């Protein structure tokens, strides 16, 4: 990514937010409440196909969401990354067979069916705002994918990581909803 003023501000914000990281037990409890908010939402209950990121240790844990979606018979897609900055949503039928990929995050080894659209996309973040701004990790994978694949987007974010003033540029995608441990809410900007 070119070093624009927005990108420099995003890097400063990521560094500042890293100091807010929740302790493991708080992350576990908050993740469980975020999972409940998503599972109890009509968005999730109506969705026949879902895209769910495979979480890293500092993000809201998606393991229970993935298991529930698979057990419920939904078409479940997870990210598979390709250099330099491309991501596809690949359908899985179980959590077995996921191996560390480009960033060390478990992903499908083989590309079977990829999604041209999904009903619901559960997206990670470093931080988000209530109006739908999302600060990712900086590689642009999710923004690029969301610009190509129609889906209702829900950013999973710890309440502690909600912040105003997230800079946006033309490549950044606004979220339709944000789910925190306090519930799932519609973003004002959509």
C-alpha atoms as a PDB file:
ATOM      1  CA  UNK A   1       0.000   0.000   0.000  1.00  0.00           C
ATOM      2  CA  UNK A   2       1.309   3.481  -0.820  1.00  0.00           C
ATOM      3  CA  UNK A   3       2.179   5.597   2.204  1.00  0.00           C
ATOM      4  CA  UNK A   4      -0.566   8.195   2.111  1.00  0.00           C
ATOM      5  CA  UNK A   5      -1.533  10.446   4.988  1.00  0.00           C
ATOM      6  CA  UNK A   6      -4.482   8.097   5.706  1.00  0.00           C
ATOM      7  CA  UNK A   7      -2.212   5.032   5.724  1.00  0.00           C
ATOM      8  CA  UNK A   8       0.290   6.720   8.061  1.00  0.00           C
ATOM      9  CA  UNK A   9      -2.566   7.637  10.432  1.00  0.00           C
ATOM     10  CA  UNK A  10      -3.884   4.047  10.258  1.00  0.00           C
ATOM     11  CA  UNK A  11      -0.422   2.738  11.239  1.00  0.00           C
ATOM     12  CA  UNK A  12      -0.289   5.135  14.219  1.00  0.00           C
ATOM     13  CA  UNK A  13      -3.777   4.060  15.274  1.00  0.00           C
ATOM     14  CA  UNK A  14      -2.896   0.339  15.015  1.00  0.00           C
ATOM     15  CA  UNK A  15       0.164   0.889  17.227  1.00  0.00           C
ATOM     16  CA  UNK A  16      -1.863   2.813  19.821  1.00  0.00           C
ATOM     17  CA  UNK A  17      -4.635   0.204  19.843  1.00  0.00           C
ATOM     18  CA  UNK A  18      -2.169  -2.668  20.299  1.00  0.00           C
ATOM     19  CA  UNK A  19      -1.630  -1.347  23.822  1.00  0.00           C
ATOM     20  CA  UNK A  20      -5.355  -1.865  24.547  1.00  0.00           C
ATOM     21  CA  UNK A  21      -5.212  -5.632  23.936  1.00  0.00           C
ATOM     22  CA  UNK A  22      -7.539  -7.507  26.279  1.00  0.00           C
ATOM     23  CA  UNK A  23      -6.194 -10.159  28.649  1.00  0.00           C
ATOM     24  CA  UNK A  24      -6.932 -13.732  27.534  1.00  0.00           C
ATOM     25  CA  UNK A  25      -9.839 -14.385  29.929  1.00  0.00           C
ATOM     26  CA  UNK A  26     -11.559 -11.100  29.035  1.00  0.00           C
ATOM     27  CA  UNK A  27     -11.086 -11.915  25.328  1.00  0.00           C
ATOM     28  CA  UNK A  28     -12.664 -15.335  25.870  1.00  0.00           C
ATOM     29  CA  UNK A  29     -15.687 -13.905  27.708  1.00  0.00           C
ATOM     30  CA  UNK A  30     -16.155 -11.049  25.219  1.00  0.00           C
ATOM     31  CA  UNK A  31     -15.829 -13.475  22.289  1.00  0.00           C
ATOM     32  CA  UNK A  32     -18.579 -15.661  23.759  1.00  0.00           C
ATOM     33  CA  UNK A  33     -20.903 -12.646  24.037  1.00  0.00           C
ATOM     34  CA  UNK A  34     -20.076 -11.533  20.471  1.00  0.00           C
ATOM     35  CA  UNK A  35     -20.827 -15.076  19.278  1.00  0.00           C
ATOM     36  CA  UNK A  36     -24.198 -14.989  21.076  1.00  0.00           C
ATOM     37  CA  UNK A  37     -25.038 -11.609  19.517  1.00  0.00           C
ATOM     38  CA  UNK A  38     -24.357 -12.961  16.029  1.00  0.00           C
ATOM     39  CA  UNK A  39     -26.099 -16.317  16.543  1.00  0.00           C
ATOM     40  CA  UNK A  40     -29.210 -14.636  17.958  1.00  0.00           C
ATOM     41  CA  UNK A  41     -29.449 -12.105  15.139  1.00  0.00           C
ATOM     42  CA  UNK A  42     -31.980 -12.446  12.347  1.00  0.00           C
ATOM     43  CA  UNK A  43     -29.127 -11.693   9.921  1.00  0.00           C
ATOM     44  CA  UNK A  44     -27.384 -14.920  10.879  1.00  0.00           C
ATOM     45  CA  UNK A  45     -30.541 -16.979  11.312  1.00  0.00           C
ATOM     46  CA  UNK A  46     -31.797 -16.080   7.816  1.00  0.00           C
ATOM     47  CA  UNK A  47     -28.423 -16.515   6.106  1.00  0.00           C
ATOM     48  CA  UNK A  48     -28.034 -19.656   4.032  1.00  0.00           C
ATOM     49  CA  UNK A  49     -24.391 -18.897   3.263  1.00  0.00           C
ATOM     50  CA  UNK A  50     -21.860 -17.285   5.584  1.00  0.00           C
ATOM     51  CA  UNK A  51     -18.277 -16.160   5.241  1.00  0.00           C
ATOM     52  CA  UNK A  52     -16.432 -16.359   8.563  1.00  0.00           C
ATOM     53  CA  UNK A  53     -12.836 -15.346   9.175  1.00  0.00           C
ATOM     54  CA  UNK A  54     -10.632 -17.777  11.089  1.00  0.00           C
ATOM     55  CA  UNK A  55      -9.548 -15.767  14.105  1.00  0.00           C
ATOM     56  CA  UNK A  56      -6.090 -14.856  15.310  1.00  0.00           C
ATOM     57  CA  UNK A  57      -5.440 -14.808  19.085  1.00  0.00           C
ATOM     58  CA  UNK A  58      -6.060 -11.052  19.517  1.00  0.00           C
ATOM     59  CA  UNK A  59      -9.368 -11.070  17.570  1.00  0.00           C
ATOM     60  CA  UNK A  60     -12.849 -12.154  18.631  1.00  0.00           C
ATOM     61  CA  UNK A  61     -12.750 -15.961  18.487  1.00  0.00           C
ATOM     62  CA  UNK A  62     -14.779 -17.397  15.609  1.00  0.00           C
ATOM     63  CA  UNK A  63     -14.392 -21.130  16.349  1.00  0.00           C
ATOM     64  CA  UNK A  64     -17.891 -21.454  17.877  1.00  0.00           C
ATOM     65  CA  UNK A  65     -19.437 -19.474  15.006  1.00  0.00           C
ATOM     66  CA  UNK A  66     -17.749 -21.724  12.454  1.00  0.00           C
ATOM     67  CA  UNK A  67     -18.890 -24.888  14.253  1.00  0.00           C
ATOM     68  CA  UNK A  68     -22.454 -23.622  14.604  1.00  0.00           C
ATOM     69  CA  UNK A  69     -22.691 -22.595  10.955  1.00  0.00           C
ATOM     70  CA  UNK A  70     -21.354 -25.981   9.821  1.00  0.00           C
ATOM     71  CA  UNK A  71     -23.658 -27.893  12.198  1.00  0.00           C
ATOM     72  CA  UNK A  72     -26.641 -25.798  11.020  1.00  0.00           C
ATOM     73  CA  UNK A  73     -26.153 -26.849   7.407  1.00  0.00           C
ATOM     74  CA  UNK A  74     -25.208 -23.395   6.158  1.00  0.00           C
ATOM     75  CA  UNK A  75     -22.788 -23.040   3.252  1.00  0.00           C
ATOM     76  CA  UNK A  76     -19.655 -21.932   5.113  1.00  0.00           C
ATOM     77  CA  UNK A  77     -16.795 -20.057   3.471  1.00  0.00           C
ATOM     78  CA  UNK A  78     -13.465 -19.035   4.983  1.00  0.00           C
ATOM     79  CA  UNK A  79     -10.654 -16.881   3.592  1.00  0.00           C
ATOM     80  CA  UNK A  80      -7.765 -18.190   1.536  1.00  0.00           C
ATOM     81  CA  UNK A  81      -5.106 -15.603   0.742  1.00  0.00           C
ATOM     82  CA  UNK A  82      -2.939 -15.415  -2.353  1.00  0.00           C
ATOM     83  CA  UNK A  83       0.024 -13.093  -2.863  1.00  0.00           C
ATOM     84  CA  UNK A  84       0.284 -10.220  -3.292  1.00  0.00           C
ATOM     85  CA  UNK A  85      -3.105  -9.043  -1.888  1.00  0.00           C
ATOM     86  CA  UNK A  86      -5.876 -11.312  -3.135  1.00  0.00           C
ATOM     87  CA  UNK A  87      -8.322 -13.305  -1.045  1.00  0.00           C
ATOM     88  CA  UNK A  88     -11.007 -15.793  -2.017  1.00  0.00           C
ATOM     89  CA  UNK A  89     -13.824 -17.242   0.066  1.00  0.00           C
ATOM     90  CA  UNK A  90     -13.475 -21.027  -0.083  1.00  0.00           C
ATOM     91  CA  UNK A  91     -16.242 -23.370   1.012  1.00  0.00           C
ATOM     92  CA  UNK A  92     -15.457 -25.811   3.804  1.00  0.00           C
ATOM     93  CA  UNK A  93     -17.425 -28.755   5.160  1.00  0.00           C
ATOM     94  CA  UNK A  94     -15.422 -29.154   8.378  1.00  0.00           C
ATOM     95  CA  UNK A  95     -12.660 -27.457  10.328  1.00  0.00           C
ATOM     96  CA  UNK A  96     -10.318 -30.370   9.694  1.00  0.00           C
ATOM     97  CA  UNK A  97      -7.961 -29.754   6.822  1.00  0.00           C
ATOM     98  CA  UNK A  98      -7.308 -26.096   7.600  1.00  0.00           C
ATOM     99  CA  UNK A  99      -3.556 -25.426   7.609  1.00  0.00           C
ATOM    100  CA  UNK A 100      -1.545 -22.269   8.294  1.00  0.00           C
ATOM    101  CA  UNK A 101      -1.491 -20.123   5.161  1.00  0.00           C
ATOM    102  CA  UNK A 102       0.203 -16.947   3.956  1.00  0.00           C
ATOM    103  CA  UNK A 103      -0.045 -15.161   7.328  1.00  0.00           C
ATOM    104  CA  UNK A 104       0.058 -18.268   9.514  1.00  0.00           C
ATOM    105  CA  UNK A 105      -3.745 -18.211   9.826  1.00  0.00           C
ATOM    106  CA  UNK A 106      -5.490 -21.552   9.222  1.00  0.00           C
ATOM    107  CA  UNK A 107      -7.075 -21.721   5.773  1.00  0.00           C
ATOM    108  CA  UNK A 108      -8.182 -24.420   3.326  1.00  0.00           C
ATOM    109  CA  UNK A 109      -5.327 -26.259   1.649  1.00  0.00           C
ATOM    110  CA  UNK A 110      -7.309 -26.752  -1.544  1.00  0.00           C
ATOM    111  CA  UNK A 111      -9.606 -24.372  -3.332  1.00  0.00           C
ATOM    112  CA  UNK A 112     -12.824 -26.195  -3.930  1.00  0.00           C
ATOM    113  CA  UNK A 113     -15.876 -24.005  -4.398  1.00  0.00           C
ATOM    114  CA  UNK A 114     -15.337 -20.256  -4.099  1.00  0.00           C
ATOM    115  CA  UNK A 115     -18.099 -17.769  -3.367  1.00  0.00           C
ATOM    116  CA  UNK A 116     -19.400 -15.337  -5.970  1.00  0.00           C
ATOM    117  CA  UNK A 117     -21.712 -13.950  -3.270  1.00  0.00           C
ATOM    118  CA  UNK A 118     -22.648 -14.822   0.308  1.00  0.00           C
ATOM    119  CA  UNK A 119     -25.585 -13.793   2.456  1.00  0.00           C
ATOM    120  CA  UNK A 120     -23.491 -12.745   5.457  1.00  0.00           C
ATOM    121  CA  UNK A 121     -19.780 -11.906   5.860  1.00  0.00           C
ATOM    122  CA  UNK A 122     -18.256 -11.859   9.357  1.00  0.00           C
ATOM    123  CA  UNK A 123     -15.149  -9.693   9.083  1.00  0.00           C
ATOM    124  CA  UNK A 124     -12.224  -9.118  11.482  1.00  0.00           C
ATOM    125  CA  UNK A 125     -10.727  -5.790  12.498  1.00  0.00           C
ATOM    126  CA  UNK A 126      -8.138  -4.115  14.644  1.00  0.00           C
ATOM    127  CA  UNK A 127     -10.790  -1.507  15.463  1.00  0.00           C
ATOM    128  CA  UNK A 128     -14.148  -0.254  14.235  1.00  0.00           C
ATOM    129  CA  UNK A 129     -16.477   2.670  14.743  1.00  0.00           C
ATOM    130  CA  UNK A 130     -20.214   2.681  15.310  1.00  0.00           C
ATOM    131  CA  UNK A 131     -20.752   4.351  11.927  1.00  0.00           C
ATOM    132  CA  UNK A 132     -19.187   1.398  10.073  1.00  0.00           C
ATOM    133  CA  UNK A 133     -15.560   2.382   9.660  1.00  0.00           C
ATOM    134  CA  UNK A 134     -13.212  -0.578   9.925  1.00  0.00           C
ATOM    135  CA  UNK A 135      -9.493  -0.576  10.609  1.00  0.00           C
ATOM    136  CA  UNK A 136      -7.999  -3.816   9.342  1.00  0.00           C
ATOM    137  CA  UNK A 137      -4.485  -5.141   9.640  1.00  0.00           C
ATOM    138  CA  UNK A 138      -3.372  -3.138   6.608  1.00  0.00           C
ATOM    139  CA  UNK A 139      -2.985  -5.596   3.740  1.00  0.00           C
ATOM    140  CA  UNK A 140      -6.324  -4.801   2.087  1.00  0.00           C
ATOM    141  CA  UNK A 141      -7.472  -8.413   1.661  1.00  0.00           C
ATOM    142  CA  UNK A 142     -10.976  -7.947   3.106  1.00  0.00           C
ATOM    143  CA  UNK A 143     -11.624  -4.567   1.491  1.00  0.00           C
ATOM    144  CA  UNK A 144     -10.680  -6.007  -1.901  1.00  0.00           C
ATOM    145  CA  UNK A 145     -12.836  -9.089  -1.404  1.00  0.00           C
ATOM    146  CA  UNK A 146     -15.840  -7.104  -0.138  1.00  0.00           C
ATOM    147  CA  UNK A 147     -15.634  -4.833  -3.180  1.00  0.00           C
ATOM    148  CA  UNK A 148     -16.052  -7.903  -5.457  1.00  0.00           C
ATOM    149  CA  UNK A 149     -18.416 -10.178  -3.518  1.00  0.00           C
ATOM    150  CA  UNK A 150     -21.905  -8.995  -2.531  1.00  0.00           C
ATOM    151  CA  UNK A 151     -22.613  -9.670   1.149  1.00  0.00           C
ATOM    152  CA  UNK A 152     -24.086  -8.058   4.234  1.00  0.00           C
ATOM    153  CA  UNK A 153     -20.977  -7.261   6.273  1.00  0.00           C
ATOM    154  CA  UNK A 154     -20.654  -7.569  10.044  1.00  0.00           C
ATOM    155  CA  UNK A 155     -17.425  -6.511  11.692  1.00  0.00           C
ATOM    156  CA  UNK A 156     -16.682  -8.409  14.927  1.00  0.00           C
ATOM    157  CA  UNK A 157     -15.028  -5.998  17.346  1.00  0.00           C
ATOM    158  CA  UNK A 158     -14.301  -5.908  21.047  1.00  0.00           C
ATOM    159  CA  UNK A 159     -16.069  -2.953  22.678  1.00  0.00           C
ATOM    160  CA  UNK A 160     -12.656  -1.803  23.935  1.00  0.00           C
ATOM    161  CA  UNK A 161     -11.551  -1.429  20.291  1.00  0.00           C
ATOM    162  CA  UNK A 162     -14.429   0.802  19.185  1.00  0.00           C
ATOM    163  CA  UNK A 163     -13.044   4.197  18.304  1.00  0.00           C
ATOM    164  CA  UNK A 164     -14.023   7.281  16.340  1.00  0.00           C
ATOM    165  CA  UNK A 165     -11.838   8.896  13.759  1.00  0.00           C
ATOM    166  CA  UNK A 166     -10.736   5.862  11.779  1.00  0.00           C
ATOM    167  CA  UNK A 167      -9.362   7.299   8.533  1.00  0.00           C
ATOM    168  CA  UNK A 168     -10.897   5.961   5.323  1.00  0.00           C
ATOM    169  CA  UNK A 169      -9.735   6.066   1.721  1.00  0.00           C
ATOM    170  CA  UNK A 170     -11.360   5.039  -1.556  1.00  0.00           C
ATOM    171  CA  UNK A 171     -10.376   1.368  -1.151  1.00  0.00           C
ATOM    172  CA  UNK A 172     -11.851   0.974   2.338  1.00  0.00           C
ATOM    173  CA  UNK A 173     -15.270  -0.679   2.650  1.00  0.00           C
ATOM    174  CA  UNK A 174     -17.879   0.501   5.141  1.00  0.00           C
ATOM    175  CA  UNK A 175     -19.436  -2.160   7.351  1.00  0.00           C
ATOM    176  CA  UNK A 176     -23.196  -2.693   7.435  1.00  0.00           C
ATOM    177  CA  UNK A 177     -23.171  -3.830  11.077  1.00  0.00           C
ATOM    178  CA  UNK A 178     -20.766  -4.104  14.000  1.00  0.00           C
ATOM    179  CA  UNK A 179     -21.038  -6.845  16.629  1.00  0.00           C
ATOM    180  CA  UNK A 180     -19.483  -6.316  20.047  1.00  0.00           C
ATOM    181  CA  UNK A 181     -19.991  -7.993  23.397  1.00  0.00           C
ATOM    182  CA  UNK A 182     -22.838  -5.498  23.953  1.00  0.00           C
ATOM    183  CA  UNK A 183     -24.753  -6.640  20.881  1.00  0.00           C
ATOM    184  CA  UNK A 184     -25.095  -6.269  17.137  1.00  0.00           C
ATOM    185  CA  UNK A 185     -25.967  -2.859  15.794  1.00  0.00           C
ATOM    186  CA  UNK A 186     -26.616  -1.317  12.404  1.00  0.00           C
ATOM    187  CA  UNK A 187     -24.092   1.259  11.269  1.00  0.00           C
ATOM    188  CA  UNK A 188     -25.444   4.755  10.786  1.00  0.00           C
ATOM    189  CA  UNK A 189     -23.572   5.303   7.549  1.00  0.00           C
ATOM    190  CA  UNK A 190     -25.181   2.507   5.498  1.00  0.00           C
END
